[in-house]
């Protein structure tokens, strides 16, 4: 693996983190309000997808293979999800703390971890 390849992986992980942090801080009024979306739990699927991306991209960027490091990354991701919920509750208009979002963050983290582990076994 070349040095520029490592930088590209790290850059992708940083860009994803910045992008999703921006999305998490959008006011509630900026989010789509379609009734069908709430019936299929669209918001929860978005959280799952975001955290799949976070875990996978950061594991790839950091080249994580040890259980200890992967556990640490997962704990950091879950803490990030919790802090996002606190920030939304206190500082973002028309947003609130949602335990179900945190559960979706955890599920996405576990799926991202599983995808990463499968990809390094090949």
PDB file of N, CA and C in Angstrom:
ATOM      1  N   UNK A   1       0.840  -1.178   0.000  1.00  0.00           N
ATOM      2  CA  UNK A   1       0.000   0.000   0.000  1.00  0.00           C
ATOM      3  C   UNK A   1       0.885   1.242   0.000  1.00  0.00           C
ATOM      4  N   UNK A   2       0.549   2.185  -0.847  1.00  0.00           N
ATOM      5  CA  UNK A   2       1.371   3.382  -0.949  1.00  0.00           C
ATOM      6  C   UNK A   2       0.945   4.421   0.080  1.00  0.00           C
ATOM      7  N   UNK A   3       1.830   5.357   0.311  1.00  0.00           N
ATOM      8  CA  UNK A   3       1.548   6.437   1.252  1.00  0.00           C
ATOM      9  C   UNK A   3       0.363   7.268   0.787  1.00  0.00           C
ATOM     10  N   UNK A   4       0.271   7.535  -0.524  1.00  0.00           N
ATOM     11  CA  UNK A   4      -0.856   8.326  -1.032  1.00  0.00           C
ATOM     12  C   UNK A   4      -2.168   7.563  -0.872  1.00  0.00           C
ATOM     13  N   UNK A   5      -2.131   6.251  -0.948  1.00  0.00           N
ATOM     14  CA  UNK A   5      -3.319   5.428  -0.726  1.00  0.00           C
ATOM     15  C   UNK A   5      -3.789   5.554   0.718  1.00  0.00           C
ATOM     16  N   UNK A   6      -2.845   5.569   1.662  1.00  0.00           N
ATOM     17  CA  UNK A   6      -3.191   5.741   3.072  1.00  0.00           C
ATOM     18  C   UNK A   6      -3.804   7.111   3.325  1.00  0.00           C
ATOM     19  N   UNK A   7      -3.232   8.143   2.695  1.00  0.00           N
ATOM     20  CA  UNK A   7      -3.781   9.493   2.838  1.00  0.00           C
ATOM     21  C   UNK A   7      -5.201   9.557   2.277  1.00  0.00           C
ATOM     22  N   UNK A   8      -5.428   8.903   1.149  1.00  0.00           N
ATOM     23  CA  UNK A   8      -6.757   8.908   0.531  1.00  0.00           C
ATOM     24  C   UNK A   8      -7.782   8.246   1.448  1.00  0.00           C
ATOM     25  N   UNK A   9      -7.405   7.159   2.093  1.00  0.00           N
ATOM     26  CA  UNK A   9      -8.319   6.474   3.019  1.00  0.00           C
ATOM     27  C   UNK A   9      -8.626   7.354   4.227  1.00  0.00           C
ATOM     28  N   UNK A  10      -7.604   7.994   4.752  1.00  0.00           N
ATOM     29  CA  UNK A  10      -7.790   8.877   5.892  1.00  0.00           C
ATOM     30  C   UNK A  10      -8.644  10.078   5.501  1.00  0.00           C
ATOM     31  N   UNK A  11      -8.390  10.634   4.316  1.00  0.00           N
ATOM     32  CA  UNK A  11      -9.149  11.776   3.815  1.00  0.00           C
ATOM     33  C   UNK A  11     -10.622  11.407   3.652  1.00  0.00           C
ATOM     34  N   UNK A  12     -10.898  10.215   3.131  1.00  0.00           N
ATOM     35  CA  UNK A  12     -12.284   9.756   2.958  1.00  0.00           C
ATOM     36  C   UNK A  12     -12.990   9.651   4.314  1.00  0.00           C
ATOM     37  N   UNK A  13     -12.298   9.122   5.318  1.00  0.00           N
ATOM     38  CA  UNK A  13     -12.885   8.989   6.655  1.00  0.00           C
ATOM     39  C   UNK A  13     -13.166  10.366   7.259  1.00  0.00           C
ATOM     40  N   UNK A  14     -12.240  11.297   7.103  1.00  0.00           N
ATOM     41  CA  UNK A  14     -12.421  12.664   7.623  1.00  0.00           C
ATOM     42  C   UNK A  14     -13.585  13.350   6.910  1.00  0.00           C
ATOM     43  N   UNK A  15     -13.643  13.227   5.589  1.00  0.00           N
ATOM     44  CA  UNK A  15     -14.732  13.854   4.840  1.00  0.00           C
ATOM     45  C   UNK A  15     -16.092  13.300   5.260  1.00  0.00           C
ATOM     46  N   UNK A  16     -16.178  11.994   5.455  1.00  0.00           N
ATOM     47  CA  UNK A  16     -17.433  11.376   5.884  1.00  0.00           C
ATOM     48  C   UNK A  16     -17.838  11.909   7.266  1.00  0.00           C
ATOM     49  N   UNK A  17     -16.891  12.004   8.175  1.00  0.00           N
ATOM     50  CA  UNK A  17     -17.173  12.511   9.514  1.00  0.00           C
ATOM     51  C   UNK A  17     -17.669  13.958   9.463  1.00  0.00           C
ATOM     52  N   UNK A  18     -17.035  14.784   8.660  1.00  0.00           N
ATOM     53  CA  UNK A  18     -17.455  16.179   8.529  1.00  0.00           C
ATOM     54  C   UNK A  18     -18.849  16.265   7.912  1.00  0.00           C
ATOM     55  N   UNK A  19     -19.078  15.501   6.856  1.00  0.00           N
ATOM     56  CA  UNK A  19     -20.373  15.514   6.173  1.00  0.00           C
ATOM     57  C   UNK A  19     -21.504  15.090   7.103  1.00  0.00           C
ATOM     58  N   UNK A  20     -21.336  13.982   7.815  1.00  0.00           N
ATOM     59  CA  UNK A  20     -22.422  13.509   8.682  1.00  0.00           C
ATOM     60  C   UNK A  20     -22.592  14.426   9.891  1.00  0.00           C
ATOM     61  N   UNK A  21     -21.513  15.025  10.371  1.00  0.00           N
ATOM     62  CA  UNK A  21     -21.635  15.984  11.474  1.00  0.00           C
ATOM     63  C   UNK A  21     -22.465  17.185  11.037  1.00  0.00           C
ATOM     64  N   UNK A  22     -22.250  17.624   9.813  1.00  0.00           N
ATOM     65  CA  UNK A  22     -23.055  18.712   9.253  1.00  0.00           C
ATOM     66  C   UNK A  22     -24.533  18.299   9.192  1.00  0.00           C
ATOM     67  N   UNK A  23     -24.802  17.096   8.681  1.00  0.00           N
ATOM     68  CA  UNK A  23     -26.188  16.629   8.584  1.00  0.00           C
ATOM     69  C   UNK A  23     -26.854  16.545   9.951  1.00  0.00           C
ATOM     70  N   UNK A  24     -26.115  16.060  10.940  1.00  0.00           N
ATOM     71  CA  UNK A  24     -26.670  15.932  12.284  1.00  0.00           C
ATOM     72  C   UNK A  24     -27.022  17.291  12.895  1.00  0.00           C
ATOM     73  N   UNK A  25     -26.372  18.351  12.433  1.00  0.00           N
ATOM     74  CA  UNK A  25     -26.598  19.674  13.010  1.00  0.00           C
ATOM     75  C   UNK A  25     -27.620  20.507  12.229  1.00  0.00           C
ATOM     76  N   UNK A  26     -28.211  19.926  11.196  1.00  0.00           N
ATOM     77  CA  UNK A  26     -29.251  20.647  10.470  1.00  0.00           C
ATOM     78  C   UNK A  26     -30.468  20.827  11.365  1.00  0.00           C
ATOM     79  N   UNK A  27     -31.106  21.987  11.319  1.00  0.00           N
ATOM     80  CA  UNK A  27     -32.326  22.175  12.110  1.00  0.00           C
ATOM     81  C   UNK A  27     -33.431  21.246  11.609  1.00  0.00           C
ATOM     82  N   UNK A  28     -34.328  20.898  12.504  1.00  0.00           N
ATOM     83  CA  UNK A  28     -35.416  19.996  12.153  1.00  0.00           C
ATOM     84  C   UNK A  28     -36.236  20.479  10.973  1.00  0.00           C
ATOM     85  N   UNK A  29     -36.371  21.796  10.822  1.00  0.00           N
ATOM     86  CA  UNK A  29     -37.152  22.361   9.720  1.00  0.00           C
ATOM     87  C   UNK A  29     -36.504  22.079   8.364  1.00  0.00           C
ATOM     88  N   UNK A  30     -35.209  21.785   8.339  1.00  0.00           N
ATOM     89  CA  UNK A  30     -34.505  21.531   7.081  1.00  0.00           C
ATOM     90  C   UNK A  30     -34.641  20.080   6.618  1.00  0.00           C
ATOM     91  N   UNK A  31     -35.239  19.239   7.458  1.00  0.00           N
ATOM     92  CA  UNK A  31     -35.369  17.820   7.135  1.00  0.00           C
ATOM     93  C   UNK A  31     -36.703  17.538   6.457  1.00  0.00           C
ATOM     94  N   UNK A  32     -36.735  16.561   5.550  1.00  0.00           N
ATOM     95  CA  UNK A  32     -37.996  16.240   4.869  1.00  0.00           C
ATOM     96  C   UNK A  32     -39.052  15.742   5.856  1.00  0.00           C
ATOM     97  N   UNK A  33     -40.295  16.091   5.603  1.00  0.00           N
ATOM     98  CA  UNK A  33     -41.400  15.708   6.483  1.00  0.00           C
ATOM     99  C   UNK A  33     -42.430  14.878   5.718  1.00  0.00           C
ATOM    100  N   UNK A  34     -42.082  13.722   5.248  1.00  0.00           N
ATOM    101  CA  UNK A  34     -43.027  12.857   4.538  1.00  0.00           C
ATOM    102  C   UNK A  34     -43.537  11.795   5.502  1.00  0.00           C
ATOM    103  N   UNK A  35     -44.845  11.619   5.544  1.00  0.00           N
ATOM    104  CA  UNK A  35     -45.459  10.664   6.465  1.00  0.00           C
ATOM    105  C   UNK A  35     -44.980   9.237   6.209  1.00  0.00           C
ATOM    106  N   UNK A  36     -44.818   8.875   4.939  1.00  0.00           N
ATOM    107  CA  UNK A  36     -44.384   7.515   4.623  1.00  0.00           C
ATOM    108  C   UNK A  36     -42.994   7.231   5.161  1.00  0.00           C
ATOM    109  N   UNK A  37     -42.170   8.281   5.281  1.00  0.00           N
ATOM    110  CA  UNK A  37     -40.806   8.093   5.786  1.00  0.00           C
ATOM    111  C   UNK A  37     -40.821   7.677   7.253  1.00  0.00           C
ATOM    112  N   UNK A  38     -41.735   8.217   8.024  1.00  0.00           N
ATOM    113  CA  UNK A  38     -41.800   7.831   9.433  1.00  0.00           C
ATOM    114  C   UNK A  38     -42.339   6.411   9.576  1.00  0.00           C
ATOM    115  N   UNK A  39     -43.182   5.986   8.656  1.00  0.00           N
ATOM    116  CA  UNK A  39     -43.725   4.625   8.730  1.00  0.00           C
ATOM    117  C   UNK A  39     -42.666   3.559   8.456  1.00  0.00           C
ATOM    118  N   UNK A  40     -41.676   3.894   7.673  1.00  0.00           N
ATOM    119  CA  UNK A  40     -40.611   2.910   7.407  1.00  0.00           C
ATOM    120  C   UNK A  40     -39.360   3.192   8.239  1.00  0.00           C
ATOM    121  N   UNK A  41     -39.466   4.072   9.228  1.00  0.00           N
ATOM    122  CA  UNK A  41     -38.358   4.418  10.111  1.00  0.00           C
ATOM    123  C   UNK A  41     -37.140   4.900   9.328  1.00  0.00           C
ATOM    124  N   UNK A  42     -37.382   5.735   8.342  1.00  0.00           N
ATOM    125  CA  UNK A  42     -36.318   6.210   7.459  1.00  0.00           C
ATOM    126  C   UNK A  42     -35.155   6.798   8.237  1.00  0.00           C
ATOM    127  N   UNK A  43     -35.468   7.599   9.248  1.00  0.00           N
ATOM    128  CA  UNK A  43     -34.420   8.239  10.053  1.00  0.00           C
ATOM    129  C   UNK A  43     -33.499   7.199  10.689  1.00  0.00           C
ATOM    130  N   UNK A  44     -34.045   6.106  11.148  1.00  0.00           N
ATOM    131  CA  UNK A  44     -33.229   5.068  11.800  1.00  0.00           C
ATOM    132  C   UNK A  44     -32.332   4.380  10.778  1.00  0.00           C
ATOM    133  N   UNK A  45     -32.853   4.139   9.574  1.00  0.00           N
ATOM    134  CA  UNK A  45     -32.033   3.539   8.513  1.00  0.00           C
ATOM    135  C   UNK A  45     -30.886   4.466   8.126  1.00  0.00           C
ATOM    136  N   UNK A  46     -31.154   5.770   8.137  1.00  0.00           N
ATOM    137  CA  UNK A  46     -30.087   6.750   7.842  1.00  0.00           C
ATOM    138  C   UNK A  46     -29.001   6.658   8.908  1.00  0.00           C
ATOM    139  N   UNK A  47     -29.388   6.604  10.185  1.00  0.00           N
ATOM    140  CA  UNK A  47     -28.407   6.469  11.264  1.00  0.00           C
ATOM    141  C   UNK A  47     -27.590   5.192  11.101  1.00  0.00           C
ATOM    142  N   UNK A  48     -28.251   4.098  10.782  1.00  0.00           N
ATOM    143  CA  UNK A  48     -27.530   2.832  10.573  1.00  0.00           C
ATOM    144  C   UNK A  48     -26.508   2.997   9.456  1.00  0.00           C
ATOM    145  N   UNK A  49     -26.920   3.564   8.327  1.00  0.00           N
ATOM    146  CA  UNK A  49     -26.009   3.758   7.195  1.00  0.00           C
ATOM    147  C   UNK A  49     -24.840   4.669   7.523  1.00  0.00           C
ATOM    148  N   UNK A  50     -25.123   5.740   8.257  1.00  0.00           N
ATOM    149  CA  UNK A  50     -24.052   6.664   8.640  1.00  0.00           C
ATOM    150  C   UNK A  50     -23.003   5.954   9.483  1.00  0.00           C
ATOM    151  N   UNK A  51     -23.437   5.157  10.442  1.00  0.00           N
ATOM    152  CA  UNK A  51     -22.481   4.507  11.333  1.00  0.00           C
ATOM    153  C   UNK A  51     -21.799   3.305  10.695  1.00  0.00           C
ATOM    154  N   UNK A  52     -22.448   2.665   9.739  1.00  0.00           N
ATOM    155  CA  UNK A  52     -21.739   1.655   8.943  1.00  0.00           C
ATOM    156  C   UNK A  52     -20.555   2.337   8.260  1.00  0.00           C
ATOM    157  N   UNK A  53     -20.826   3.477   7.629  1.00  0.00           N
ATOM    158  CA  UNK A  53     -19.765   4.216   6.948  1.00  0.00           C
ATOM    159  C   UNK A  53     -18.670   4.673   7.884  1.00  0.00           C
ATOM    160  N   UNK A  54     -19.047   5.208   9.044  1.00  0.00           N
ATOM    161  CA  UNK A  54     -18.036   5.672   9.998  1.00  0.00           C
ATOM    162  C   UNK A  54     -17.096   4.545  10.425  1.00  0.00           C
ATOM    163  N   UNK A  55     -17.675   3.442  10.870  1.00  0.00           N
ATOM    164  CA  UNK A  55     -16.838   2.329  11.350  1.00  0.00           C
ATOM    165  C   UNK A  55     -15.989   1.758  10.219  1.00  0.00           C
ATOM    166  N   UNK A  56     -16.592   1.527   9.070  1.00  0.00           N
ATOM    167  CA  UNK A  56     -15.840   0.933   7.968  1.00  0.00           C
ATOM    168  C   UNK A  56     -14.715   1.857   7.503  1.00  0.00           C
ATOM    169  N   UNK A  57     -15.039   3.118   7.253  1.00  0.00           N
ATOM    170  CA  UNK A  57     -14.022   4.038   6.730  1.00  0.00           C
ATOM    171  C   UNK A  57     -12.882   4.273   7.717  1.00  0.00           C
ATOM    172  N   UNK A  58     -13.214   4.417   9.017  1.00  0.00           N
ATOM    173  CA  UNK A  58     -12.149   4.638   9.994  1.00  0.00           C
ATOM    174  C   UNK A  58     -11.322   3.375  10.230  1.00  0.00           C
ATOM    175  N   UNK A  59     -11.953   2.210  10.214  1.00  0.00           N
ATOM    176  CA  UNK A  59     -11.192   0.959  10.350  1.00  0.00           C
ATOM    177  C   UNK A  59     -10.225   0.811   9.185  1.00  0.00           C
ATOM    178  N   UNK A  60     -10.711   1.138   7.997  1.00  0.00           N
ATOM    179  CA  UNK A  60      -9.885   1.046   6.788  1.00  0.00           C
ATOM    180  C   UNK A  60      -8.752   2.066   6.821  1.00  0.00           C
ATOM    181  N   UNK A  61      -9.074   3.295   7.225  1.00  0.00           N
ATOM    182  CA  UNK A  61      -8.059   4.355   7.254  1.00  0.00           C
ATOM    183  C   UNK A  61      -6.964   4.046   8.263  1.00  0.00           C
ATOM    184  N   UNK A  62      -7.360   3.495   9.398  1.00  0.00           N
ATOM    185  CA  UNK A  62      -6.392   3.213  10.453  1.00  0.00           C
ATOM    186  C   UNK A  62      -5.791   1.811  10.353  1.00  0.00           C
ATOM    187  N   UNK A  63      -6.310   0.996   9.449  1.00  0.00           N
ATOM    188  CA  UNK A  63      -5.804  -0.361   9.268  1.00  0.00           C
ATOM    189  C   UNK A  63      -6.004  -1.228  10.501  1.00  0.00           C
ATOM    190  N   UNK A  64      -7.131  -1.068  11.163  1.00  0.00           N
ATOM    191  CA  UNK A  64      -7.369  -1.771  12.424  1.00  0.00           C
ATOM    192  C   UNK A  64      -7.654  -3.256  12.197  1.00  0.00           C
ATOM    193  N   UNK A  65      -6.984  -4.084  12.988  1.00  0.00           N
ATOM    194  CA  UNK A  65      -7.247  -5.525  12.943  1.00  0.00           C
ATOM    195  C   UNK A  65      -7.371  -6.128  14.335  1.00  0.00           C
ATOM    196  N   UNK A  66      -6.802  -5.507  15.339  1.00  0.00           N
ATOM    197  CA  UNK A  66      -6.864  -6.096  16.683  1.00  0.00           C
ATOM    198  C   UNK A  66      -8.221  -5.828  17.319  1.00  0.00           C
ATOM    199  N   UNK A  67      -8.669  -6.778  18.108  1.00  0.00           N
ATOM    200  CA  UNK A  67      -9.962  -6.640  18.792  1.00  0.00           C
ATOM    201  C   UNK A  67      -9.986  -5.399  19.685  1.00  0.00           C
ATOM    202  N   UNK A  68      -8.886  -5.155  20.370  1.00  0.00           N
ATOM    203  CA  UNK A  68      -8.806  -4.008  21.279  1.00  0.00           C
ATOM    204  C   UNK A  68      -9.023  -2.695  20.526  1.00  0.00           C
ATOM    205  N   UNK A  69      -8.333  -2.524  19.402  1.00  0.00           N
ATOM    206  CA  UNK A  69      -8.469  -1.290  18.620  1.00  0.00           C
ATOM    207  C   UNK A  69      -9.850  -1.158  17.995  1.00  0.00           C
ATOM    208  N   UNK A  70     -10.404  -2.273  17.524  1.00  0.00           N
ATOM    209  CA  UNK A  70     -11.739  -2.230  16.940  1.00  0.00           C
ATOM    210  C   UNK A  70     -12.789  -1.915  18.003  1.00  0.00           C
ATOM    211  N   UNK A  71     -12.618  -2.461  19.193  1.00  0.00           N
ATOM    212  CA  UNK A  71     -13.527  -2.158  20.295  1.00  0.00           C
ATOM    213  C   UNK A  71     -13.426  -0.679  20.659  1.00  0.00           C
ATOM    214  N   UNK A  72     -12.222  -0.154  20.700  1.00  0.00           N
ATOM    215  CA  UNK A  72     -12.019   1.260  21.022  1.00  0.00           C
ATOM    216  C   UNK A  72     -12.698   2.152  19.971  1.00  0.00           C
ATOM    217  N   UNK A  73     -12.525   1.832  18.695  1.00  0.00           N
ATOM    218  CA  UNK A  73     -13.166   2.610  17.636  1.00  0.00           C
ATOM    219  C   UNK A  73     -14.687   2.550  17.771  1.00  0.00           C
ATOM    220  N   UNK A  74     -15.216   1.394  18.073  1.00  0.00           N
ATOM    221  CA  UNK A  74     -16.660   1.237  18.229  1.00  0.00           C
ATOM    222  C   UNK A  74     -17.165   2.057  19.413  1.00  0.00           C
ATOM    223  N   UNK A  75     -16.438   2.033  20.513  1.00  0.00           N
ATOM    224  CA  UNK A  75     -16.826   2.841  21.676  1.00  0.00           C
ATOM    225  C   UNK A  75     -16.773   4.335  21.361  1.00  0.00           C
ATOM    226  N   UNK A  76     -15.775   4.746  20.594  1.00  0.00           N
ATOM    227  CA  UNK A  76     -15.677   6.153  20.183  1.00  0.00           C
ATOM    228  C   UNK A  76     -16.871   6.519  19.298  1.00  0.00           C
ATOM    229  N   UNK A  77     -17.235   5.632  18.384  1.00  0.00           N
ATOM    230  CA  UNK A  77     -18.370   5.905  17.496  1.00  0.00           C
ATOM    231  C   UNK A  77     -19.673   6.022  18.283  1.00  0.00           C
ATOM    232  N   UNK A  78     -19.890   5.136  19.246  1.00  0.00           N
ATOM    233  CA  UNK A  78     -21.101   5.181  20.058  1.00  0.00           C
ATOM    234  C   UNK A  78     -21.113   6.458  20.912  1.00  0.00           C
ATOM    235  N   UNK A  79     -19.962   6.824  21.433  1.00  0.00           N
ATOM    236  CA  UNK A  79     -19.863   8.075  22.201  1.00  0.00           C
ATOM    237  C   UNK A  79     -20.175   9.264  21.302  1.00  0.00           C
ATOM    238  N   UNK A  80     -19.666   9.248  20.092  1.00  0.00           N
ATOM    239  CA  UNK A  80     -19.972  10.304  19.117  1.00  0.00           C
ATOM    240  C   UNK A  80     -21.483  10.368  18.888  1.00  0.00           C
ATOM    241  N   UNK A  81     -22.123   9.218  18.708  1.00  0.00           N
ATOM    242  CA  UNK A  81     -23.572   9.178  18.511  1.00  0.00           C
ATOM    243  C   UNK A  81     -24.319   9.768  19.695  1.00  0.00           C
ATOM    244  N   UNK A  82     -23.872   9.447  20.904  1.00  0.00           N
ATOM    245  CA  UNK A  82     -24.494   9.988  22.110  1.00  0.00           C
ATOM    246  C   UNK A  82     -24.325  11.506  22.157  1.00  0.00           C
ATOM    247  N   UNK A  83     -23.119  11.981  21.881  1.00  0.00           N
ATOM    248  CA  UNK A  83     -22.865  13.425  21.901  1.00  0.00           C
ATOM    249  C   UNK A  83     -23.678  14.160  20.839  1.00  0.00           C
ATOM    250  N   UNK A  84     -23.859  13.531  19.683  1.00  0.00           N
ATOM    251  CA  UNK A  84     -24.700  14.120  18.639  1.00  0.00           C
ATOM    252  C   UNK A  84     -26.117  14.309  19.161  1.00  0.00           C
ATOM    253  N   UNK A  85     -26.639  13.298  19.851  1.00  0.00           N
ATOM    254  CA  UNK A  85     -27.996  13.395  20.395  1.00  0.00           C
ATOM    255  C   UNK A  85     -28.095  14.512  21.440  1.00  0.00           C
ATOM    256  N   UNK A  86     -27.083  14.635  22.286  1.00  0.00           N
ATOM    257  CA  UNK A  86     -27.074  15.708  23.294  1.00  0.00           C
ATOM    258  C   UNK A  86     -27.019  17.073  22.609  1.00  0.00           C
ATOM    259  N   UNK A  87     -26.169  17.209  21.610  1.00  0.00           N
ATOM    260  CA  UNK A  87     -26.051  18.475  20.876  1.00  0.00           C
ATOM    261  C   UNK A  87     -27.361  18.807  20.174  1.00  0.00           C
ATOM    262  N   UNK A  88     -27.990  17.809  19.560  1.00  0.00           N
ATOM    263  CA  UNK A  88     -29.271  18.058  18.903  1.00  0.00           C
ATOM    264  C   UNK A  88     -30.319  18.535  19.910  1.00  0.00           C
ATOM    265  N   UNK A  89     -30.349  17.911  21.076  1.00  0.00           N
ATOM    266  CA  UNK A  89     -31.320  18.268  22.112  1.00  0.00           C
ATOM    267  C   UNK A  89     -31.129  19.701  22.590  1.00  0.00           C
ATOM    268  N   UNK A  90     -29.886  20.086  22.805  1.00  0.00           N
ATOM    269  CA  UNK A  90     -29.608  21.365  23.455  1.00  0.00           C
ATOM    270  C   UNK A  90     -29.354  22.538  22.512  1.00  0.00           C
ATOM    271  N   UNK A  91     -28.826  22.253  21.320  1.00  0.00           N
ATOM    272  CA  UNK A  91     -28.352  23.361  20.487  1.00  0.00           C
ATOM    273  C   UNK A  91     -28.943  23.445  19.083  1.00  0.00           C
ATOM    274  N   UNK A  92     -29.676  22.439  18.631  1.00  0.00           N
ATOM    275  CA  UNK A  92     -30.176  22.439  17.252  1.00  0.00           C
ATOM    276  C   UNK A  92     -31.695  22.612  17.285  1.00  0.00           C
ATOM    277  N   UNK A  93     -32.166  23.618  16.572  1.00  0.00           N
ATOM    278  CA  UNK A  93     -33.598  23.923  16.560  1.00  0.00           C
ATOM    279  C   UNK A  93     -34.420  22.762  16.005  1.00  0.00           C
ATOM    280  N   UNK A  94     -35.512  22.477  16.679  1.00  0.00           N
ATOM    281  CA  UNK A  94     -36.467  21.446  16.262  1.00  0.00           C
ATOM    282  C   UNK A  94     -35.859  20.044  16.186  1.00  0.00           C
ATOM    283  N   UNK A  95     -34.858  19.785  16.989  1.00  0.00           N
ATOM    284  CA  UNK A  95     -34.270  18.442  17.077  1.00  0.00           C
ATOM    285  C   UNK A  95     -34.295  18.038  18.538  1.00  0.00           C
ATOM    286  N   UNK A  96     -34.241  16.734  18.792  1.00  0.00           N
ATOM    287  CA  UNK A  96     -34.310  16.257  20.171  1.00  0.00           C
ATOM    288  C   UNK A  96     -33.447  15.008  20.345  1.00  0.00           C
ATOM    289  N   UNK A  97     -33.209  14.674  21.598  1.00  0.00           N
ATOM    290  CA  UNK A  97     -32.478  13.455  21.937  1.00  0.00           C
ATOM    291  C   UNK A  97     -33.408  12.288  21.663  1.00  0.00           C
ATOM    292  N   UNK A  98     -32.901  11.264  20.989  1.00  0.00           N
ATOM    293  CA  UNK A  98     -33.721  10.103  20.662  1.00  0.00           C
ATOM    294  C   UNK A  98     -32.917   8.838  20.944  1.00  0.00           C
ATOM    295  N   UNK A  99     -33.358   8.089  21.946  1.00  0.00           N
ATOM    296  CA  UNK A  99     -32.670   6.840  22.299  1.00  0.00           C
ATOM    297  C   UNK A  99     -32.695   5.847  21.147  1.00  0.00           C
ATOM    298  N   UNK A 100     -33.755   5.887  20.338  1.00  0.00           N
ATOM    299  CA  UNK A 100     -33.828   4.976  19.196  1.00  0.00           C
ATOM    300  C   UNK A 100     -32.780   5.316  18.141  1.00  0.00           C
ATOM    301  N   UNK A 101     -32.451   6.595  18.008  1.00  0.00           N
ATOM    302  CA  UNK A 101     -31.348   6.976  17.114  1.00  0.00           C
ATOM    303  C   UNK A 101     -30.038   6.386  17.627  1.00  0.00           C
ATOM    304  N   UNK A 102     -29.841   6.441  18.930  1.00  0.00           N
ATOM    305  CA  UNK A 102     -28.621   5.889  19.516  1.00  0.00           C
ATOM    306  C   UNK A 102     -28.557   4.380  19.308  1.00  0.00           C
ATOM    307  N   UNK A 103     -29.691   3.715  19.421  1.00  0.00           N
ATOM    308  CA  UNK A 103     -29.751   2.273  19.157  1.00  0.00           C
ATOM    309  C   UNK A 103     -29.417   1.979  17.690  1.00  0.00           C
ATOM    310  N   UNK A 104     -29.927   2.813  16.785  1.00  0.00           N
ATOM    311  CA  UNK A 104     -29.602   2.657  15.364  1.00  0.00           C
ATOM    312  C   UNK A 104     -28.117   2.917  15.113  1.00  0.00           C
ATOM    313  N   UNK A 105     -27.535   3.878  15.827  1.00  0.00           N
ATOM    314  CA  UNK A 105     -26.088   4.138  15.716  1.00  0.00           C
ATOM    315  C   UNK A 105     -25.299   2.901  16.129  1.00  0.00           C
ATOM    316  N   UNK A 106     -25.726   2.275  17.225  1.00  0.00           N
ATOM    317  CA  UNK A 106     -25.059   1.065  17.700  1.00  0.00           C
ATOM    318  C   UNK A 106     -25.187  -0.059  16.669  1.00  0.00           C
ATOM    319  N   UNK A 107     -26.397  -0.235  16.124  1.00  0.00           N
ATOM    320  CA  UNK A 107     -26.607  -1.279  15.113  1.00  0.00           C
ATOM    321  C   UNK A 107     -25.730  -1.025  13.888  1.00  0.00           C
ATOM    322  N   UNK A 108     -25.679   0.221  13.432  1.00  0.00           N
ATOM    323  CA  UNK A 108     -24.827   0.561  12.291  1.00  0.00           C
ATOM    324  C   UNK A 108     -23.357   0.312  12.576  1.00  0.00           C
ATOM    325  N   UNK A 109     -22.933   0.608  13.800  1.00  0.00           N
ATOM    326  CA  UNK A 109     -21.540   0.364  14.186  1.00  0.00           C
ATOM    327  C   UNK A 109     -21.220  -1.123  14.143  1.00  0.00           C
ATOM    328  N   UNK A 110     -22.133  -1.948  14.637  1.00  0.00           N
ATOM    329  CA  UNK A 110     -21.917  -3.397  14.634  1.00  0.00           C
ATOM    330  C   UNK A 110     -21.879  -3.952  13.203  1.00  0.00           C
ATOM    331  N   UNK A 111     -22.763  -3.448  12.356  1.00  0.00           N
ATOM    332  CA  UNK A 111     -22.773  -3.893  10.954  1.00  0.00           C
ATOM    333  C   UNK A 111     -21.506  -3.430  10.243  1.00  0.00           C
ATOM    334  N   UNK A 112     -21.097  -2.186  10.480  1.00  0.00           N
ATOM    335  CA  UNK A 112     -19.858  -1.679   9.881  1.00  0.00           C
ATOM    336  C   UNK A 112     -18.649  -2.485  10.313  1.00  0.00           C
ATOM    337  N   UNK A 113     -18.622  -2.855  11.579  1.00  0.00           N
ATOM    338  CA  UNK A 113     -17.543  -3.687  12.104  1.00  0.00           C
ATOM    339  C   UNK A 113     -17.544  -5.052  11.418  1.00  0.00           C
ATOM    340  N   UNK A 114     -18.720  -5.638  11.276  1.00  0.00           N
ATOM    341  CA  UNK A 114     -18.855  -6.940  10.624  1.00  0.00           C
ATOM    342  C   UNK A 114     -18.379  -6.858   9.171  1.00  0.00           C
ATOM    343  N   UNK A 115     -18.792  -5.798   8.458  1.00  0.00           N
ATOM    344  CA  UNK A 115     -18.364  -5.629   7.053  1.00  0.00           C
ATOM    345  C   UNK A 115     -16.843  -5.479   6.976  1.00  0.00           C
ATOM    346  N   UNK A 116     -16.262  -4.686   7.879  1.00  0.00           N
ATOM    347  CA  UNK A 116     -14.813  -4.500   7.878  1.00  0.00           C
ATOM    348  C   UNK A 116     -14.108  -5.826   8.130  1.00  0.00           C
ATOM    349  N   UNK A 117     -14.549  -6.561   9.122  1.00  0.00           N
ATOM    350  CA  UNK A 117     -13.904  -7.847   9.442  1.00  0.00           C
ATOM    351  C   UNK A 117     -14.018  -8.833   8.291  1.00  0.00           C
ATOM    352  N   UNK A 118     -15.150  -8.844   7.619  1.00  0.00           N
ATOM    353  CA  UNK A 118     -15.305  -9.715   6.440  1.00  0.00           C
ATOM    354  C   UNK A 118     -14.366  -9.288   5.322  1.00  0.00           C
ATOM    355  N   UNK A 119     -14.175  -7.981   5.153  1.00  0.00           N
ATOM    356  CA  UNK A 119     -13.345  -7.501   4.048  1.00  0.00           C
ATOM    357  C   UNK A 119     -11.859  -7.803   4.280  1.00  0.00           C
ATOM    358  N   UNK A 120     -11.412  -7.844   5.533  1.00  0.00           N
ATOM    359  CA  UNK A 120      -9.986  -8.105   5.760  1.00  0.00           C
ATOM    360  C   UNK A 120      -9.672  -9.590   5.769  1.00  0.00           C
ATOM    361  N   UNK A 121     -10.684 -10.449   5.828  1.00  0.00           N
ATOM    362  CA  UNK A 121     -10.453 -11.899   5.784  1.00  0.00           C
ATOM    363  C   UNK A 121     -10.236 -12.403   4.384  1.00  0.00           C
ATOM    364  N   UNK A 122     -10.555 -11.568   3.383  1.00  0.00           N
ATOM    365  CA  UNK A 122     -10.408 -11.990   1.972  1.00  0.00           C
ATOM    366  C   UNK A 122      -8.986 -11.909   1.527  1.00  0.00           C
TER     367      UNK A 122
END
